[in-house]
């Protein structure tokens, strides 16, 4: 039953949320890059800003990993 207890830690929740934000950011990045492939398509510059969400998600994942490792070392 240790799997249920570890999924409730703040680090694990942050890790999962960061993974979701990263995937959303990657999708937004692909949309922002569409004008490079489809020459007739023009998107507003806000799409480049939205694609930066990928970095926010990666930072969340790294922070979640750090917090999870820290909580596991405290349990020992």
N, C-alpha and C. Protein backbone atom coordinates (compact mmCIF):
# COMPACT_ATOMS: atom_id res chain seq x y z
N UNK A 1 0.80 -1.19 0.00
CA UNK A 1 0.00 0.00 0.00
C UNK A 1 0.85 1.26 0.00
N UNK A 2 2.15 1.14 -0.20
CA UNK A 2 3.00 2.33 -0.21
C UNK A 2 2.76 3.18 -1.45
N UNK A 3 2.24 2.60 -2.51
CA UNK A 3 1.97 3.36 -3.73
C UNK A 3 0.92 4.44 -3.52
N UNK A 4 -0.06 4.14 -2.65
CA UNK A 4 -1.11 5.13 -2.39
C UNK A 4 -0.58 6.28 -1.54
N UNK A 5 0.28 5.97 -0.60
CA UNK A 5 0.81 7.02 0.28
C UNK A 5 1.75 7.94 -0.50
N UNK A 6 2.54 7.39 -1.41
CA UNK A 6 3.49 8.23 -2.14
C UNK A 6 2.80 9.09 -3.19
N UNK A 7 1.64 8.66 -3.69
CA UNK A 7 0.94 9.45 -4.70
C UNK A 7 0.29 10.68 -4.09
N UNK A 8 0.19 10.73 -2.78
CA UNK A 8 -0.41 11.88 -2.11
C UNK A 8 0.60 12.95 -1.74
N UNK A 9 1.89 12.68 -1.92
CA UNK A 9 2.90 13.67 -1.52
C UNK A 9 2.87 14.85 -2.49
N UNK A 10 3.19 16.03 -1.98
CA UNK A 10 3.16 17.23 -2.84
C UNK A 10 4.12 17.13 -4.02
N UNK A 11 5.24 16.46 -3.82
CA UNK A 11 6.20 16.32 -4.91
C UNK A 11 5.65 15.50 -6.07
N UNK A 12 4.94 14.44 -5.75
CA UNK A 12 4.37 13.60 -6.80
C UNK A 12 3.24 14.31 -7.53
N UNK A 13 2.44 15.05 -6.80
CA UNK A 13 1.37 15.82 -7.46
C UNK A 13 1.95 16.90 -8.36
N UNK A 14 3.02 17.55 -7.90
CA UNK A 14 3.67 18.57 -8.71
C UNK A 14 4.31 17.96 -9.95
N UNK A 15 4.87 16.78 -9.79
CA UNK A 15 5.47 16.06 -10.91
C UNK A 15 4.43 15.74 -11.98
N UNK A 16 3.29 15.24 -11.56
CA UNK A 16 2.22 14.90 -12.50
C UNK A 16 1.64 16.14 -13.18
N UNK A 17 1.43 17.19 -12.40
CA UNK A 17 0.92 18.44 -12.97
C UNK A 17 1.94 19.02 -13.95
N UNK A 18 3.21 18.94 -13.62
CA UNK A 18 4.26 19.43 -14.52
C UNK A 18 4.31 18.65 -15.82
N UNK A 19 4.07 17.36 -15.75
CA UNK A 19 4.05 16.55 -16.96
C UNK A 19 2.89 16.97 -17.86
N UNK A 20 1.74 17.24 -17.27
CA UNK A 20 0.58 17.68 -18.05
C UNK A 20 0.85 19.04 -18.68
N UNK A 21 1.42 19.97 -17.91
CA UNK A 21 1.72 21.30 -18.43
C UNK A 21 2.76 21.21 -19.55
N UNK A 22 3.73 20.33 -19.40
CA UNK A 22 4.75 20.15 -20.45
C UNK A 22 4.13 19.63 -21.74
N UNK A 23 3.25 18.67 -21.64
CA UNK A 23 2.59 18.14 -22.85
C UNK A 23 1.74 19.22 -23.52
N UNK A 24 1.02 20.01 -22.73
CA UNK A 24 0.24 21.10 -23.29
C UNK A 24 1.17 22.11 -23.98
N UNK A 25 2.29 22.40 -23.35
CA UNK A 25 3.26 23.32 -23.95
C UNK A 25 3.83 22.80 -25.25
N UNK A 26 4.09 21.50 -25.33
CA UNK A 26 4.61 20.92 -26.57
C UNK A 26 3.57 21.03 -27.68
N UNK A 27 2.31 20.79 -27.35
CA UNK A 27 1.24 20.92 -28.35
C UNK A 27 1.15 22.37 -28.83
N UNK A 28 1.23 23.32 -27.89
CA UNK A 28 1.19 24.73 -28.27
C UNK A 28 2.40 25.12 -29.11
N UNK A 29 3.55 24.53 -28.83
CA UNK A 29 4.75 24.79 -29.63
C UNK A 29 4.57 24.28 -31.05
N UNK A 30 3.99 23.10 -31.19
CA UNK A 30 3.74 22.56 -32.54
C UNK A 30 2.78 23.46 -33.32
N UNK A 31 1.77 23.99 -32.64
CA UNK A 31 0.84 24.90 -33.30
C UNK A 31 1.57 26.18 -33.71
N UNK A 32 2.43 26.69 -32.82
CA UNK A 32 3.15 27.92 -33.12
C UNK A 32 4.12 27.75 -34.29
N UNK A 33 4.57 26.54 -34.52
CA UNK A 33 5.51 26.29 -35.61
C UNK A 33 4.83 25.97 -36.93
N UNK A 34 3.52 25.85 -36.94
CA UNK A 34 2.80 25.55 -38.17
C UNK A 34 3.08 26.54 -39.31
N UNK A 35 3.21 27.86 -39.06
CA UNK A 35 3.50 28.76 -40.17
C UNK A 35 4.84 28.48 -40.87
N UNK A 36 5.74 27.77 -40.21
CA UNK A 36 6.99 27.40 -40.86
C UNK A 36 6.78 26.33 -41.91
N UNK A 37 5.74 25.54 -41.73
CA UNK A 37 5.44 24.44 -42.65
C UNK A 37 4.39 24.87 -43.67
N UNK A 38 3.36 25.53 -43.20
CA UNK A 38 2.28 26.01 -44.07
C UNK A 38 2.49 27.50 -44.28
N UNK A 39 3.01 27.87 -45.44
CA UNK A 39 3.42 29.25 -45.71
C UNK A 39 2.24 30.23 -45.72
N UNK A 40 1.05 29.79 -46.06
CA UNK A 40 -0.11 30.69 -46.14
C UNK A 40 -0.72 30.98 -44.77
N UNK A 41 -0.31 30.24 -43.76
CA UNK A 41 -0.88 30.38 -42.43
C UNK A 41 -0.16 31.48 -41.66
N UNK A 42 -0.93 32.33 -41.02
CA UNK A 42 -0.35 33.40 -40.21
C UNK A 42 -1.00 33.37 -38.83
N UNK A 43 -0.18 33.22 -37.80
CA UNK A 43 -0.68 33.18 -36.43
C UNK A 43 -0.19 34.41 -35.68
N UNK A 44 -0.97 34.88 -34.71
CA UNK A 44 -0.52 36.02 -33.92
C UNK A 44 0.69 35.64 -33.06
N UNK A 45 1.51 36.62 -32.69
CA UNK A 45 2.72 36.34 -31.90
C UNK A 45 2.46 35.74 -30.52
N UNK A 46 1.22 35.82 -30.03
CA UNK A 46 0.92 35.26 -28.72
C UNK A 46 1.18 33.75 -28.68
N UNK A 47 1.15 33.08 -29.82
CA UNK A 47 1.40 31.64 -29.86
C UNK A 47 2.82 31.31 -29.44
N UNK A 48 3.79 32.19 -29.75
CA UNK A 48 5.16 31.95 -29.32
C UNK A 48 5.26 32.07 -27.80
N UNK A 49 4.52 33.02 -27.23
CA UNK A 49 4.49 33.16 -25.77
C UNK A 49 3.87 31.92 -25.13
N UNK A 50 2.78 31.43 -25.71
CA UNK A 50 2.11 30.25 -25.15
C UNK A 50 3.00 29.01 -25.23
N UNK A 51 3.86 28.95 -26.23
CA UNK A 51 4.73 27.78 -26.34
C UNK A 51 5.78 27.75 -25.24
N UNK A 52 6.01 28.87 -24.57
CA UNK A 52 6.97 28.91 -23.47
C UNK A 52 6.45 28.19 -22.22
N UNK A 53 5.19 27.77 -22.25
CA UNK A 53 4.63 26.99 -21.14
C UNK A 53 5.38 25.67 -20.98
N UNK A 54 6.02 25.22 -22.06
CA UNK A 54 6.81 23.99 -21.98
C UNK A 54 7.89 24.11 -20.92
N UNK A 55 8.58 25.23 -20.90
CA UNK A 55 9.63 25.44 -19.90
C UNK A 55 9.09 25.49 -18.49
N UNK A 56 7.93 26.07 -18.32
CA UNK A 56 7.29 26.11 -17.00
C UNK A 56 6.98 24.69 -16.53
N UNK A 57 6.47 23.87 -17.45
CA UNK A 57 6.17 22.48 -17.11
C UNK A 57 7.41 21.69 -16.74
N UNK A 58 8.50 21.91 -17.48
CA UNK A 58 9.74 21.22 -17.16
C UNK A 58 10.28 21.65 -15.80
N UNK A 59 10.15 22.93 -15.48
CA UNK A 59 10.57 23.41 -14.16
C UNK A 59 9.73 22.77 -13.07
N UNK A 60 8.44 22.62 -13.31
CA UNK A 60 7.56 21.97 -12.34
C UNK A 60 7.96 20.51 -12.14
N UNK A 61 8.31 19.83 -13.23
CA UNK A 61 8.73 18.42 -13.13
C UNK A 61 10.01 18.32 -12.31
N UNK A 62 10.97 19.18 -12.58
CA UNK A 62 12.22 19.14 -11.82
C UNK A 62 12.01 19.44 -10.35
N UNK A 63 11.17 20.41 -10.05
CA UNK A 63 10.87 20.73 -8.66
C UNK A 63 10.14 19.57 -7.98
N UNK A 64 9.24 18.93 -8.70
CA UNK A 64 8.53 17.76 -8.17
C UNK A 64 9.48 16.61 -7.88
N UNK A 65 10.44 16.39 -8.78
CA UNK A 65 11.43 15.34 -8.54
C UNK A 65 12.26 15.65 -7.30
N UNK A 66 12.65 16.90 -7.17
CA UNK A 66 13.44 17.31 -6.00
C UNK A 66 12.66 17.12 -4.70
N UNK A 67 11.40 17.55 -4.70
CA UNK A 67 10.59 17.41 -3.49
C UNK A 67 10.31 15.95 -3.16
N UNK A 68 10.09 15.13 -4.17
CA UNK A 68 9.84 13.70 -3.93
C UNK A 68 11.07 13.03 -3.36
N UNK A 69 12.23 13.34 -3.91
CA UNK A 69 13.47 12.75 -3.41
C UNK A 69 13.74 13.20 -1.98
N UNK A 70 13.45 14.44 -1.71
CA UNK A 70 13.67 14.97 -0.36
C UNK A 70 12.75 14.29 0.67
N UNK A 71 11.49 14.09 0.27
CA UNK A 71 10.55 13.45 1.22
C UNK A 71 10.89 11.98 1.41
N UNK A 72 11.38 11.33 0.37
CA UNK A 72 11.76 9.92 0.52
C UNK A 72 12.99 9.76 1.42
N UNK A 73 13.93 10.70 1.31
CA UNK A 73 15.12 10.59 2.16
C UNK A 73 14.76 10.89 3.61
N UNK A 74 13.76 11.70 3.87
CA UNK A 74 13.34 11.97 5.25
C UNK A 74 12.66 10.78 5.88
N UNK A 75 12.00 9.95 5.06
CA UNK A 75 11.30 8.77 5.59
C UNK A 75 12.27 7.71 6.06
N UNK A 76 13.45 7.69 5.50
CA UNK A 76 14.44 6.66 5.87
C UNK A 76 15.10 7.02 7.11
